[in-house]
Amino acid sequence: MRFTAYKHFSLAPIGDISFVFDKKSRRKGKRIFISEVSIYHNTTMDLDLDTTKALLKSMKEKKSDLLTDGHRFYTTFGSCIKEIDHPQFYKELELDKLLY
């Protein structure tokens, strides 16, 4: 049996966070090693094509790999999103609240 549920989010890119796989990365902004990020695989949610394109466009404009709804943090993995966690994310959220 397969169960499908739909959930609406109000996600926005935050900070200038880039996830990198090695120390030789040339990406600008704050770099966080993906091995230091906690990924909650049980929160995987599939996205449709239009939603994926819209999220990737907004992430590219903000130059950030990090999405938030104001409380939790997410990133894209292909055509799905997963909840992630790292201590730096909360600092970025506080900084974003101060700036905007």
Protein backbone atom coordinates (compact mmCIF):
# COMPACT_ATOMS: atom_id res chain seq x y z
CA MET A 1 0.00 0.00 0.00
CA ARG A 2 1.23 3.49 -0.80
CA PHE A 3 0.00 6.64 0.88
CA THR A 4 0.37 10.07 -0.72
CA ALA A 5 -0.07 13.30 1.20
CA TYR A 6 0.35 16.91 0.14
CA LYS A 7 1.82 19.66 2.27
CA HIS A 8 2.08 23.36 1.47
CA PHE A 9 5.24 25.23 2.42
CA SER A 10 6.26 28.85 2.30
CA LEU A 11 9.98 28.37 1.67
CA ALA A 12 12.51 31.09 0.94
CA PRO A 13 16.26 30.92 0.33
CA ILE A 14 18.31 32.37 3.16
CA GLY A 15 21.92 33.52 3.54
CA ASP A 16 24.65 32.84 1.03
CA ILE A 17 25.24 29.23 2.06
CA SER A 18 26.92 26.82 -0.34
CA PHE A 19 27.29 23.12 0.36
CA VAL A 20 30.66 21.77 -0.72
CA PHE A 21 32.24 18.33 -0.82
CA ASP A 22 35.92 19.26 -0.41
CA LYS A 23 38.11 22.10 0.82
CA LYS A 24 39.29 22.98 -2.69
CA SER A 25 35.89 24.33 -3.74
CA ARG A 26 35.96 27.76 -5.37
CA ARG A 27 32.38 28.67 -4.49
CA LYS A 28 31.98 32.06 -2.89
CA GLY A 29 30.05 32.89 0.26
CA LYS A 30 29.76 30.72 3.34
CA ARG A 31 30.80 27.17 2.58
CA ILE A 32 29.55 24.29 4.68
CA PHE A 33 30.86 20.78 4.17
CA ILE A 34 27.97 18.51 3.34
CA SER A 35 29.43 15.86 5.65
CA GLU A 36 28.81 18.20 8.63
CA VAL A 37 25.12 18.66 7.82
CA SER A 38 22.50 16.44 9.47
CA ILE A 39 20.11 15.14 6.81
CA TYR A 40 16.75 13.78 7.94
CA HIS A 41 15.95 11.18 5.28
CA ASN A 42 12.55 10.42 6.79
CA THR A 43 11.37 13.92 5.75
CA THR A 44 11.86 13.40 2.01
CA MET A 45 9.14 15.09 -0.01
CA ASP A 46 8.83 14.78 -3.79
CA LEU A 47 8.28 17.94 -5.82
CA ASP A 48 6.56 18.40 -9.14
CA LEU A 49 8.51 19.83 -12.07
CA ASP A 50 7.12 23.39 -11.82
CA THR A 51 7.82 23.64 -8.09
CA THR A 52 11.35 22.29 -8.57
CA LYS A 53 12.08 24.89 -11.26
CA ALA A 54 10.70 27.73 -9.13
CA LEU A 55 12.73 26.69 -6.07
CA LEU A 56 15.95 26.31 -8.05
CA LYS A 57 15.43 29.69 -9.71
CA SER A 58 14.93 31.46 -6.38
CA MET A 59 17.93 29.66 -4.87
CA LYS A 60 20.10 30.68 -7.83
CA GLU A 61 19.00 34.33 -7.56
CA LYS A 62 19.85 34.40 -3.83
CA LYS A 63 23.02 32.30 -4.42
CA SER A 64 22.11 29.97 -1.57
CA ASP A 65 21.54 26.23 -1.22
CA LEU A 66 19.53 26.69 1.97
CA LEU A 67 15.74 27.05 2.23
CA THR A 68 13.74 27.88 5.34
CA ASP A 69 10.15 28.29 6.44
CA GLY A 70 11.26 30.35 9.44
CA HIS A 71 11.66 27.38 11.77
CA ARG A 72 13.12 24.44 9.86
CA PHE A 73 15.73 24.22 7.13
CA TYR A 74 15.58 22.36 3.82
CA THR A 75 17.56 21.83 0.64
CA THR A 76 16.87 20.19 -2.68
CA PHE A 77 18.08 16.73 -3.64
CA GLY A 78 17.19 16.36 -7.31
CA SER A 79 13.42 16.63 -7.54
CA CYS A 80 12.76 16.35 -3.81
CA ILE A 81 13.49 18.32 -0.65
CA LYS A 82 14.70 17.09 2.71
CA GLU A 83 14.96 18.68 6.11
CA ILE A 84 18.54 19.40 7.19
CA ASP A 85 20.23 20.83 10.25
CA HIS A 86 23.51 22.57 11.15
CA PRO A 87 24.33 25.12 13.91
CA GLN A 88 25.24 27.79 11.31
CA PHE A 89 21.69 27.75 9.92
CA TYR A 90 20.23 29.26 13.08
CA LYS A 91 22.80 32.07 12.98
CA GLU A 92 21.80 32.79 9.37
CA LEU A 93 18.13 32.87 10.37
CA GLU A 94 18.81 35.40 13.15
CA LEU A 95 20.92 37.53 10.80
CA ASP A 96 18.17 37.43 8.18
CA LYS A 97 15.55 38.53 10.73
CA LEU A 98 17.78 41.45 11.76
CA LEU A 99 18.38 42.55 8.17
CA TYR A 100 14.82 42.23 6.94
